[in-house]
């Protein structure tokens, strides 16, 4: 799906940071971008940037409010594109200045010189049960009801969700991953590169019609990616963020 967007040399791409008060590592990187210590040409957020940020559920904004403010401020200076994930969705009511792509519009094709790059969080083609779940959990009426039940229970529901997410192991290597991807992408998508997160595998390989790239989860190792020169065969350069940079 094309939206006449361009991928820019020098863009920063970040995926699966799962930011929360228990996983604060991303905040230092975003502060460095906001202060212009780091100067990406474009910022692309590939979903699950927050561990729990649900548009229309105000309580999930509270511990994320500094990150929300900084990202919106950065988007006043450079283009910020956000692909919603399964932990952060209905975000158009949260951010004023960021271009948001919900699950239903993913993948999105960006032009990079004469190349086409498909971008998605990675859960756009789940099985029927998952598709029903994702549609229901994003439904404004269901979120409205959930919001007030959660308030009545003194935020028991959201707190339990967040406690469960904090315990998840997001850094497992999946032995079946390459076979799964090759089967999943047979005769699909006309592009030069397909980039997604969600699976946290930090792997790339050649498929029959494009190069597939699965991004590292920032939550696991503070890795992010910078788009290389248009003349370079490799699309992305991997970086590891440190506060001492």
Protein backbone atom coordinates (compact mmCIF):
# COMPACT_ATOMS: atom_id res chain seq x y z
CA UNK A 1 0.00 0.00 0.00
CA UNK A 2 1.64 3.25 -1.15
CA UNK A 3 1.07 6.66 0.44
CA UNK A 4 3.54 8.74 -1.62
CA UNK A 5 6.06 8.76 1.22
CA UNK A 6 9.81 8.71 0.81
CA UNK A 7 12.33 6.87 2.94
CA UNK A 8 15.24 9.21 3.56
CA UNK A 9 18.92 8.53 3.80
CA UNK A 10 19.90 9.06 7.43
CA UNK A 11 16.48 8.08 8.80
CA UNK A 12 16.45 6.34 12.18
CA UNK A 13 14.31 3.21 12.46
CA UNK A 14 13.35 1.92 15.92
CA UNK A 15 11.27 -1.16 16.65
CA UNK A 16 9.85 -2.93 19.69
CA UNK A 17 11.29 -0.78 22.47
CA UNK A 18 8.42 -1.77 24.79
CA UNK A 19 8.99 1.44 26.71
CA UNK A 20 7.65 1.61 30.27
CA UNK A 21 8.88 2.75 33.66
CA UNK A 22 10.45 -0.71 33.94
CA UNK A 23 12.08 -0.42 30.49
CA UNK A 24 13.20 3.21 30.30
CA UNK A 25 16.15 2.78 27.92
CA UNK A 26 14.49 4.40 24.90
CA UNK A 27 13.91 7.69 26.71
CA UNK A 28 17.60 8.63 26.66
CA UNK A 29 17.80 8.12 22.88
CA UNK A 30 14.65 10.16 22.27
CA UNK A 31 16.00 12.94 24.51
CA UNK A 32 19.20 13.01 22.44
CA UNK A 33 17.14 13.39 19.26
CA UNK A 34 14.99 16.09 20.85
CA UNK A 35 18.08 18.03 21.97
CA UNK A 36 19.66 17.52 18.51
CA UNK A 37 22.64 15.65 19.90
CA UNK A 38 21.51 13.04 17.38
CA UNK A 39 20.05 14.36 14.14
CA UNK A 40 18.14 11.82 12.05
CA UNK A 41 16.70 13.01 8.76
CA UNK A 42 13.46 11.17 9.61
CA UNK A 43 12.25 9.02 12.51
CA UNK A 44 10.38 5.81 11.80
CA UNK A 45 8.79 3.95 14.70
CA UNK A 46 7.93 0.37 13.83
CA UNK A 47 5.42 -0.46 16.56
CA UNK A 48 5.45 -1.70 20.13
CA UNK A 49 7.45 1.39 20.95
CA UNK A 50 5.43 1.50 24.16
CA UNK A 51 4.69 -1.59 26.20
CA UNK A 52 1.14 -0.36 26.77
CA UNK A 53 -0.28 2.73 25.08
CA UNK A 54 -3.90 2.47 24.03
CA UNK A 55 -5.62 5.45 22.49
CA UNK A 56 -8.87 6.29 24.33
CA UNK A 57 -7.56 4.67 27.56
CA UNK A 58 -6.27 7.77 29.32
CA UNK A 59 -4.68 5.84 32.16
CA UNK A 60 -2.10 4.34 29.76
CA UNK A 61 -0.92 7.87 28.91
CA UNK A 62 0.21 8.64 32.46
CA UNK A 63 3.54 6.84 32.73
CA UNK A 64 4.20 7.51 29.03
CA UNK A 65 3.50 11.24 29.04
CA UNK A 66 7.13 12.40 28.84
CA UNK A 67 7.82 10.13 25.86
CA UNK A 68 4.59 11.22 24.17
CA UNK A 69 5.52 14.90 24.61
CA UNK A 70 9.05 14.44 23.26
CA UNK A 71 7.97 12.46 20.20
CA UNK A 72 5.33 15.02 19.30
CA UNK A 73 7.87 17.83 19.72
CA UNK A 74 10.40 16.02 17.49
CA UNK A 75 7.66 15.65 14.86
CA UNK A 76 7.42 19.46 14.68
CA UNK A 77 11.03 19.47 13.41
CA UNK A 78 11.36 16.30 11.31
CA UNK A 79 8.98 13.77 9.80
CA UNK A 80 7.98 11.05 12.26
CA UNK A 81 6.13 7.99 10.93
CA UNK A 82 4.58 5.53 13.37
CA UNK A 83 3.42 2.02 12.46
CA UNK A 84 1.08 0.92 15.22
CA UNK A 85 1.87 -2.38 16.90
CA UNK A 86 -0.06 -4.78 19.07
CA UNK A 87 1.03 -2.93 22.25
CA UNK A 88 0.36 0.62 20.96
CA UNK A 89 -2.69 1.45 18.87
CA UNK A 90 -5.46 4.00 18.22
CA UNK A 91 -2.71 6.58 18.45
CA UNK A 92 -4.22 9.35 16.32
CA UNK A 93 -5.91 10.65 19.47
CA UNK A 94 -2.57 10.62 21.31
CA UNK A 95 -0.19 12.36 18.89
CA UNK A 96 -0.86 15.62 17.08
CA UNK A 97 2.10 15.81 14.70
CA UNK A 98 3.00 12.22 13.84
CA UNK A 99 1.92 10.32 10.72
CA UNK A 100 0.19 7.21 12.06
CA UNK A 101 -0.42 3.97 10.18
CA UNK A 102 -2.82 1.60 11.97
CA UNK A 103 -2.67 -2.14 11.46
CA UNK A 104 -5.39 -2.05 8.78
CA UNK A 105 -3.18 0.10 6.50
CA UNK A 106 0.01 -1.95 6.84
CA UNK A 107 2.30 -2.73 5.09
CA UNK A 108 3.08 0.66 3.59
CA UNK A 109 5.40 1.18 0.62
CA UNK A 110 7.92 4.01 0.79
CA UNK A 111 10.03 5.10 -2.15
CA UNK A 112 13.82 5.10 -1.67
CA UNK A 113 15.37 6.52 -4.82
CA UNK A 114 14.43 3.91 -7.46
CA UNK A 115 13.70 1.22 -4.85
CA UNK A 116 10.48 0.31 -3.07
CA UNK A 117 10.59 -0.47 0.64
CA UNK A 118 7.62 -2.09 2.38
CA UNK A 119 7.31 -1.33 6.09
CA UNK A 120 5.05 -2.90 8.72
CA UNK A 121 5.04 -3.70 12.40
CA UNK A 122 4.74 -7.38 11.47
CA UNK A 123 1.38 -8.68 12.70
CA UNK A 124 -0.68 -7.57 9.69
CA UNK A 125 -1.47 -11.09 8.49
CA UNK A 126 -2.34 -13.02 11.64
CA UNK A 127 -4.79 -15.88 11.64
CA UNK A 128 -8.54 -15.32 11.77
CA UNK A 129 -8.76 -15.46 15.56
CA UNK A 130 -6.00 -12.86 15.89
CA UNK A 131 -7.68 -10.60 13.32
CA UNK A 132 -10.95 -10.74 15.24
CA UNK A 133 -9.12 -9.95 18.49
CA UNK A 134 -7.24 -7.00 17.00
CA UNK A 135 -10.44 -5.56 15.53
CA UNK A 136 -12.29 -5.87 18.83
CA UNK A 137 -9.55 -4.43 21.02
CA UNK A 138 -9.30 -1.35 18.79
CA UNK A 139 -13.06 -0.78 18.68
CA UNK A 140 -13.86 2.61 20.29
CA UNK A 141 -17.01 1.35 22.02
CA UNK A 142 -15.20 -1.62 23.57
CA UNK A 143 -12.38 0.66 24.72
CA UNK A 144 -14.94 3.08 26.17
CA UNK A 145 -16.49 0.27 28.21
CA UNK A 146 -13.08 -1.10 29.22
CA UNK A 147 -11.95 2.34 30.32
CA UNK A 148 -14.79 2.81 32.77
CA UNK A 149 -14.69 -0.77 34.08
CA UNK A 150 -10.98 -0.28 34.71
CA UNK A 151 -11.64 3.02 36.52
CA UNK A 152 -14.32 1.35 38.66
CA UNK A 153 -11.80 -1.36 39.59
CA UNK A 154 -9.13 1.22 40.47
CA UNK A 155 -7.19 0.34 37.30
CA UNK A 156 -6.91 -3.33 38.17
CA UNK A 157 -7.28 -4.42 34.51
CA UNK A 158 -4.59 -2.15 33.04
CA UNK A 159 -2.22 -2.77 35.93
CA UNK A 160 -2.55 -6.55 35.45
CA UNK A 161 -1.92 -6.19 31.72
CA UNK A 162 1.18 -4.11 32.35
CA UNK A 163 2.47 -6.51 35.02
CA UNK A 164 2.06 -9.42 32.61
CA UNK A 165 3.87 -7.57 29.81
CA UNK A 166 6.77 -6.66 32.09
CA UNK A 167 7.44 -10.39 32.70
CA UNK A 168 7.50 -11.44 29.04
CA UNK A 169 10.75 -12.63 27.49
CA UNK A 170 11.01 -10.53 24.34
CA UNK A 171 14.46 -11.72 23.29
CA UNK A 172 14.04 -15.38 22.35
CA UNK A 173 15.64 -16.75 19.20
CA UNK A 174 13.06 -18.54 17.05
CA UNK A 175 14.56 -21.64 15.41
CA UNK A 176 11.67 -21.91 12.95
CA UNK A 177 11.75 -18.28 11.89
CA UNK A 178 13.38 -18.42 8.44
CA UNK A 179 11.17 -21.27 7.22
CA UNK A 180 8.11 -19.43 8.53
CA UNK A 181 9.05 -16.24 6.68
CA UNK A 182 9.85 -18.01 3.41
CA UNK A 183 6.46 -19.74 3.46
CA UNK A 184 4.67 -16.56 4.55
CA UNK A 185 6.02 -14.37 1.74
CA UNK A 186 5.80 -16.74 -1.23
CA UNK A 187 4.57 -14.74 -4.25
CA UNK A 188 3.62 -11.69 -2.16
CA UNK A 189 4.56 -8.01 -2.39
CA UNK A 190 6.34 -6.23 -5.20
CA UNK A 191 9.22 -4.43 -3.56
CA UNK A 192 12.99 -4.40 -3.14
CA UNK A 193 13.03 -4.61 0.66
CA UNK A 194 10.47 -5.71 3.22
CA UNK A 195 11.18 -4.43 6.73
CA UNK A 196 9.24 -5.37 9.86
CA UNK A 197 9.62 -5.79 13.60
CA UNK A 198 7.32 -7.76 15.93
CA UNK A 199 9.38 -10.98 15.96
CA UNK A 200 12.53 -9.41 17.51
CA UNK A 201 14.94 -11.59 15.51
CA UNK A 202 17.46 -9.11 14.02
CA UNK A 203 17.86 -11.19 10.86
CA UNK A 204 17.81 -10.60 7.14
CA UNK A 205 17.90 -12.88 4.14
CA UNK A 206 17.13 -12.91 0.44
CA UNK A 207 13.75 -14.13 -0.74
CA UNK A 208 12.85 -14.74 -4.36
CA UNK A 209 11.76 -11.17 -5.09
CA UNK A 210 13.10 -8.96 -2.28
CA UNK A 211 15.40 -8.70 0.71
CA UNK A 212 13.61 -9.45 3.96
CA UNK A 213 14.72 -7.63 7.12
CA UNK A 214 13.43 -8.38 10.61
CA UNK A 215 14.55 -5.70 13.03
CA UNK A 216 16.14 -6.14 16.42
CA UNK A 217 13.96 -5.24 19.38
CA UNK A 218 15.34 -2.09 21.01
CA UNK A 219 14.07 -3.53 24.31
CA UNK A 220 16.54 -6.42 24.09
CA UNK A 221 19.79 -4.70 23.25
CA UNK A 222 19.14 -1.01 22.51
CA UNK A 223 19.76 -1.53 18.81
CA UNK A 224 18.32 0.79 16.22
CA UNK A 225 18.98 1.26 12.51
CA UNK A 226 20.03 4.09 10.22
CA UNK A 227 19.12 4.13 6.53
CA UNK A 228 22.30 4.02 4.50
CA UNK A 229 23.22 5.74 1.26
CA UNK A 230 21.02 5.18 -1.76
CA UNK A 231 24.13 3.84 -3.50
CA UNK A 232 24.72 1.14 -0.89
CA UNK A 233 23.31 -2.32 -1.52
CA UNK A 234 22.54 -2.81 2.18
CA UNK A 235 19.59 -0.71 3.25
CA UNK A 236 20.24 -0.42 7.00
CA UNK A 237 23.20 0.11 9.30
CA UNK A 238 22.83 -1.26 12.81
CA UNK A 239 23.72 0.86 15.85
CA UNK A 240 23.66 0.18 19.56
CA UNK A 241 22.66 3.08 21.76
CA UNK A 242 24.52 3.89 24.93
CA UNK A 243 23.94 6.83 27.26
CA UNK A 244 27.67 7.46 27.09
CA UNK A 245 27.55 8.08 23.33
